[in-house]
Amino acid sequence: MINWQHISGVSELEQLFTIREPVVLFKHSERCSVSRMAKRGFESDYDGTTPVYLVNVIEERPISNQIAQITHITHQSPQVLVIKSGQCVYHASHDHINAEDVKKHL
């Protein structure tokens, strides 16, 4: 089971881009059935120890927008991004979200 972390604001998000260790960002919308399915699938398959941050794109729109601005990756939901040393080294969205692919990039 994933111990979902939450980002408390844009400044905390920006700090994640300053650390060397990898982190996983999972952008999710409770209103979207595709997003709920992708999240359930990721939860059942991900067994890594790398922190996974859940960003609710509806409630946390400024954080979601800042991710797109920092990474220069168009916003999608659901979307997963692997950040290492301030750079996005992997991203996928919708039915392309795969826990094994995420782990390969950690």
Protein backbone atom coordinates (compact mmCIF):
# COMPACT_ATOMS: atom_id res chain seq x y z
CA MET A 1 0.00 0.00 0.00
CA ILE A 2 1.23 3.48 -0.85
CA ASN A 3 1.77 5.98 1.92
CA TRP A 4 0.56 8.98 -0.08
CA GLN A 5 2.30 12.22 0.82
CA HIS A 6 0.61 15.58 0.40
CA ILE A 7 2.15 18.87 -0.68
CA SER A 8 1.01 21.73 1.50
CA GLY A 9 1.71 24.51 -0.99
CA VAL A 10 3.64 25.76 -3.99
CA SER A 11 6.73 26.52 -1.87
CA GLU A 12 6.86 22.91 -0.64
CA LEU A 13 6.52 21.71 -4.24
CA GLU A 14 9.39 23.92 -5.32
CA GLN A 15 11.55 22.44 -2.53
CA LEU A 16 10.98 18.96 -3.99
CA PHE A 17 12.72 20.17 -7.13
CA THR A 18 15.84 21.12 -5.15
CA ILE A 19 16.58 17.70 -3.64
CA ARG A 20 18.68 15.02 -5.32
CA GLU A 21 16.61 12.03 -4.26
CA PRO A 22 13.84 10.96 -6.61
CA VAL A 23 10.20 11.66 -5.86
CA VAL A 24 7.03 10.62 -7.63
CA LEU A 25 4.21 13.09 -8.28
CA PHE A 26 0.79 11.66 -9.05
CA LYS A 27 -1.76 14.18 -10.37
CA HIS A 28 -5.28 12.95 -9.76
CA SER A 29 -8.90 14.05 -9.97
CA GLU A 30 -11.55 12.40 -7.79
CA ARG A 31 -14.17 13.59 -10.30
CA CYS A 32 -12.70 11.54 -13.15
CA SER A 33 -13.35 7.80 -13.46
CA VAL A 34 -10.22 7.32 -15.61
CA SER A 35 -8.15 9.00 -12.91
CA ARG A 36 -9.67 6.84 -10.16
CA MET A 37 -8.94 3.68 -12.17
CA ALA A 38 -5.34 4.76 -12.88
CA LYS A 39 -4.79 5.56 -9.20
CA ARG A 40 -6.19 2.18 -8.09
CA GLY A 41 -4.01 0.37 -10.60
CA PHE A 42 -0.91 2.29 -9.54
CA GLU A 43 -1.69 1.63 -5.86
CA SER A 44 -2.00 -2.09 -6.43
CA ASP A 45 1.24 -2.35 -8.45
CA TYR A 46 3.62 0.15 -6.83
CA ASP A 47 5.75 -1.37 -4.09
CA GLY A 48 8.61 1.12 -4.07
CA THR A 49 9.98 3.07 -1.14
CA THR A 50 10.36 6.37 -3.00
CA PRO A 51 7.93 9.00 -1.68
CA VAL A 52 4.79 9.42 -3.77
CA TYR A 53 3.05 12.79 -3.60
CA LEU A 54 -0.62 12.91 -4.50
CA VAL A 55 -1.81 16.17 -6.06
CA ASN A 56 -5.56 16.62 -6.28
CA VAL A 57 -5.79 18.72 -9.45
CA ILE A 58 -9.16 20.21 -8.48
CA GLU A 59 -8.43 21.20 -4.89
CA GLU A 60 -4.75 21.95 -5.44
CA ARG A 61 -4.89 23.72 -8.81
CA PRO A 62 -1.97 26.13 -8.04
CA ILE A 63 0.30 23.18 -7.24
CA SER A 64 -0.81 21.31 -10.36
CA ASN A 65 -0.23 24.41 -12.51
CA GLN A 66 3.21 24.96 -10.96
CA ILE A 67 4.23 21.38 -11.79
CA ALA A 68 3.37 22.03 -15.45
CA GLN A 69 5.25 25.33 -15.40
CA ILE A 70 8.41 23.91 -13.78
CA THR A 71 8.56 20.76 -15.90
CA HIS A 72 7.27 22.26 -19.19
CA ILE A 73 5.03 19.20 -19.46
CA THR A 74 1.42 19.81 -20.43
CA HIS A 75 -1.00 19.16 -17.59
CA GLN A 76 -2.89 15.89 -17.75
CA SER A 77 -5.01 14.07 -15.22
CA PRO A 78 -4.24 11.46 -14.25
CA GLN A 79 -0.52 11.96 -14.68
CA VAL A 80 2.57 10.57 -12.99
CA LEU A 81 5.99 12.25 -13.00
CA VAL A 82 9.35 11.11 -11.63
CA ILE A 83 11.53 14.00 -10.48
CA LYS A 84 15.27 13.54 -9.87
CA SER A 85 17.67 16.33 -9.02
CA GLY A 86 15.13 18.93 -10.10
CA GLN A 87 14.39 17.36 -13.48
CA CYS A 88 11.46 15.34 -14.71
CA VAL A 89 13.03 12.10 -15.94
CA TYR A 90 9.78 10.31 -16.73
CA HIS A 91 6.11 11.10 -17.13
CA ALA A 92 3.00 9.28 -18.31
CA SER A 93 -0.70 9.94 -18.30
CA HIS A 94 -4.03 8.16 -18.47
CA ASP A 95 -3.76 4.47 -19.38
CA HIS A 96 0.01 4.75 -19.93
CA ILE A 97 0.59 5.05 -16.16
CA ASN A 98 2.49 1.96 -15.12
CA ALA A 99 4.16 1.36 -11.74
CA GLU A 100 6.90 -0.79 -13.27
CA ASP A 101 7.86 2.00 -15.69
CA VAL A 102 7.96 4.45 -12.78
CA LYS A 103 10.26 2.15 -10.79
CA LYS A 104 12.64 1.84 -13.77
CA HIS A 105 13.22 5.60 -13.63
CA LEU A 106 13.80 5.93 -9.90
